[in-house]
Amino acid sequence: MNIRKGDTVQVISGKYKGVKGKVLRTMPAENRVIVERVNLHKKHQKPTKDLPQGGIIEREGPIHRSAVMLVCPGCSRPIRVGFRISDGKKVRYCRKCGEAIDK
């Protein structure tokens, strides 16, 4: 997967189209990512030690990785990711401006 935890992505299809957010978790086996404040679900939570009163909480649900594009830190646009070898390491780079994403 060309998207990693902590990356900023933009949703390109669906109900949340155009929304930018940070990747909280990736699930490569299912080809899904969880993005901050995207695909929110309400969950009825029983009282626990962490949440003594219980109640209805909002949680982010997973969305397919093809529905998001990585946002380049240099040009601040959604981009396709390229890979190249730099100093013996595989590094992601922006296909529009050529700037390395992994430093």
C-alpha atoms as a PDB file:
ATOM      1  CA  MET A   1       0.000   0.000   0.000  1.00  0.00           C
ATOM      2  CA  ASN A   2       1.260   3.479  -0.818  1.00  0.00           C
ATOM      3  CA  ILE A   3      -0.608   5.049   2.132  1.00  0.00           C
ATOM      4  CA  ARG A   4       0.779   4.829   5.652  1.00  0.00           C
ATOM      5  CA  LYS A   5      -0.351   5.744   9.156  1.00  0.00           C
ATOM      6  CA  GLY A   6       0.056   9.474   9.801  1.00  0.00           C
ATOM      7  CA  ASP A   7      -0.246  10.516   6.132  1.00  0.00           C
ATOM      8  CA  THR A   8      -2.662  13.271   5.115  1.00  0.00           C
ATOM      9  CA  VAL A   9      -5.144  12.056   2.518  1.00  0.00           C
ATOM     10  CA  GLN A  10      -8.112  13.456   0.607  1.00  0.00           C
ATOM     11  CA  VAL A  11     -11.279  11.443  -0.048  1.00  0.00           C
ATOM     12  CA  ILE A  12     -11.987  11.339  -3.804  1.00  0.00           C
ATOM     13  CA  SER A  13     -15.328   9.496  -3.899  1.00  0.00           C
ATOM     14  CA  GLY A  14     -18.411   8.847  -1.815  1.00  0.00           C
ATOM     15  CA  LYS A  15     -20.295  10.800   0.831  1.00  0.00           C
ATOM     16  CA  TYR A  16     -17.138  12.455   2.225  1.00  0.00           C
ATOM     17  CA  LYS A  17     -15.683  13.495  -1.170  1.00  0.00           C
ATOM     18  CA  GLY A  18     -13.222  16.398  -0.852  1.00  0.00           C
ATOM     19  CA  VAL A  19     -12.555  15.948   2.882  1.00  0.00           C
ATOM     20  CA  LYS A  20      -8.917  15.922   4.014  1.00  0.00           C
ATOM     21  CA  GLY A  21      -7.812  14.014   7.085  1.00  0.00           C
ATOM     22  CA  LYS A  22      -5.019  12.095   8.768  1.00  0.00           C
ATOM     23  CA  VAL A  23      -4.755   8.313   8.436  1.00  0.00           C
ATOM     24  CA  LEU A  24      -5.281   6.745  11.865  1.00  0.00           C
ATOM     25  CA  ARG A  25      -4.856   3.106  10.837  1.00  0.00           C
ATOM     26  CA  THR A  26      -4.215   1.002   7.738  1.00  0.00           C
ATOM     27  CA  MET A  27      -5.499  -2.506   7.096  1.00  0.00           C
ATOM     28  CA  PRO A  28      -3.463  -3.852   4.145  1.00  0.00           C
ATOM     29  CA  ALA A  29      -5.093  -7.305   4.196  1.00  0.00           C
ATOM     30  CA  GLU A  30      -8.548  -5.750   3.594  1.00  0.00           C
ATOM     31  CA  ASN A  31      -7.271  -2.807   1.430  1.00  0.00           C
ATOM     32  CA  ARG A  32      -8.882  -0.333   3.840  1.00  0.00           C
ATOM     33  CA  VAL A  33      -7.834   2.740   5.824  1.00  0.00           C
ATOM     34  CA  ILE A  34      -9.369   4.636   8.735  1.00  0.00           C
ATOM     35  CA  VAL A  35      -9.247   8.410   8.236  1.00  0.00           C
ATOM     36  CA  GLU A  36      -9.815  11.012  10.960  1.00  0.00           C
ATOM     37  CA  ARG A  37     -13.419  12.422  10.953  1.00  0.00           C
ATOM     38  CA  VAL A  38     -14.432  10.398   7.856  1.00  0.00           C
ATOM     39  CA  ASN A  39     -17.138   7.682   7.642  1.00  0.00           C
ATOM     40  CA  LEU A  40     -18.458   8.320  11.156  1.00  0.00           C
ATOM     41  CA  HIS A  41     -20.705   5.723  12.820  1.00  0.00           C
ATOM     42  CA  LYS A  42     -22.662   5.991  16.054  1.00  0.00           C
ATOM     43  CA  LYS A  43     -21.953   3.186  18.517  1.00  0.00           C
ATOM     44  CA  HIS A  44     -24.035   2.416  21.606  1.00  0.00           C
ATOM     45  CA  GLN A  45     -21.426   1.866  24.323  1.00  0.00           C
ATOM     46  CA  LYS A  46     -22.144   0.010  27.554  1.00  0.00           C
ATOM     47  CA  PRO A  47     -20.652   1.505  30.716  1.00  0.00           C
ATOM     48  CA  THR A  48     -17.054   0.395  31.269  1.00  0.00           C
ATOM     49  CA  LYS A  49     -14.224   1.401  33.562  1.00  0.00           C
ATOM     50  CA  ASP A  50     -12.945   3.839  30.895  1.00  0.00           C
ATOM     51  CA  LEU A  51     -16.413   5.238  30.093  1.00  0.00           C
ATOM     52  CA  PRO A  52     -18.429   4.939  33.356  1.00  0.00           C
ATOM     53  CA  GLN A  53     -21.687   6.513  32.100  1.00  0.00           C
ATOM     54  CA  GLY A  54     -21.734   4.723  28.711  1.00  0.00           C
ATOM     55  CA  GLY A  55     -23.776   6.377  25.959  1.00  0.00           C
ATOM     56  CA  ILE A  56     -23.640   6.900  22.213  1.00  0.00           C
ATOM     57  CA  ILE A  57     -20.165   7.570  20.823  1.00  0.00           C
ATOM     58  CA  GLU A  58     -19.030   8.393  17.286  1.00  0.00           C
ATOM     59  CA  ARG A  59     -16.279   6.320  15.714  1.00  0.00           C
ATOM     60  CA  GLU A  60     -14.562   6.364  12.340  1.00  0.00           C
ATOM     61  CA  GLY A  61     -15.220   3.398  10.074  1.00  0.00           C
ATOM     62  CA  PRO A  62     -12.865   1.991   7.449  1.00  0.00           C
ATOM     63  CA  ILE A  63     -13.051   3.084   3.811  1.00  0.00           C
ATOM     64  CA  HIS A  64     -11.459   1.485   0.765  1.00  0.00           C
ATOM     65  CA  ARG A  65      -7.965   2.677  -0.082  1.00  0.00           C
ATOM     66  CA  SER A  66      -8.987   3.427  -3.688  1.00  0.00           C
ATOM     67  CA  ALA A  67     -11.350   6.127  -2.346  1.00  0.00           C
ATOM     68  CA  VAL A  68      -8.465   8.239  -0.984  1.00  0.00           C
ATOM     69  CA  MET A  69      -5.429   9.960  -2.488  1.00  0.00           C
ATOM     70  CA  LEU A  70      -2.296  11.033  -0.672  1.00  0.00           C
ATOM     71  CA  VAL A  71      -1.840  14.818  -0.279  1.00  0.00           C
ATOM     72  CA  CYS A  72       1.687  15.992  -1.155  1.00  0.00           C
ATOM     73  CA  PRO A  73       3.329  17.985   1.657  1.00  0.00           C
ATOM     74  CA  GLY A  74       5.139  20.132  -0.941  1.00  0.00           C
ATOM     75  CA  CYS A  75       2.422  21.097  -3.426  1.00  0.00           C
ATOM     76  CA  SER A  76      -0.628  20.438  -1.134  1.00  0.00           C
ATOM     77  CA  ARG A  77      -2.545  18.607  -3.869  1.00  0.00           C
ATOM     78  CA  PRO A  78      -3.837  15.030  -4.080  1.00  0.00           C
ATOM     79  CA  ILE A  79      -1.211  13.049  -5.960  1.00  0.00           C
ATOM     80  CA  ARG A  80      -0.278   9.671  -7.306  1.00  0.00           C
ATOM     81  CA  VAL A  81       2.710   8.163  -5.547  1.00  0.00           C
ATOM     82  CA  GLY A  82       5.886   6.974  -7.232  1.00  0.00           C
ATOM     83  CA  PHE A  83       8.698   4.928  -5.764  1.00  0.00           C
ATOM     84  CA  ARG A  84      12.454   5.273  -6.270  1.00  0.00           C
ATOM     85  CA  ILE A  85      15.618   4.041  -4.597  1.00  0.00           C
ATOM     86  CA  SER A  86      17.496   6.684  -2.596  1.00  0.00           C
ATOM     87  CA  ASP A  87      20.535   5.794  -0.460  1.00  0.00           C
ATOM     88  CA  GLY A  88      19.638   2.108  -0.697  1.00  0.00           C
ATOM     89  CA  LYS A  89      16.072   2.677   0.582  1.00  0.00           C
ATOM     90  CA  LYS A  90      12.756   2.613  -1.250  1.00  0.00           C
ATOM     91  CA  VAL A  91      11.304   6.145  -0.979  1.00  0.00           C
ATOM     92  CA  ARG A  92       7.874   7.485  -1.961  1.00  0.00           C
ATOM     93  CA  TYR A  93       7.793  10.674  -4.045  1.00  0.00           C
ATOM     94  CA  CYS A  94       5.224  13.040  -5.569  1.00  0.00           C
ATOM     95  CA  ARG A  95       4.607  12.332  -9.266  1.00  0.00           C
ATOM     96  CA  LYS A  96       3.615  15.998  -9.871  1.00  0.00           C
ATOM     97  CA  CYS A  97       6.406  17.993  -8.213  1.00  0.00           C
ATOM     98  CA  GLY A  98       9.030  15.245  -7.721  1.00  0.00           C
ATOM     99  CA  GLU A  99       9.528  15.956  -3.994  1.00  0.00           C
ATOM    100  CA  ALA A 100      10.229  13.000  -1.685  1.00  0.00           C
ATOM    101  CA  ILE A 101       7.428  12.244   0.768  1.00  0.00           C
ATOM    102  CA  ASP A 102       9.530  10.044   3.081  1.00  0.00           C
ATOM    103  CA  LYS A 103      12.484  11.937   4.457  1.00  0.00           C
END
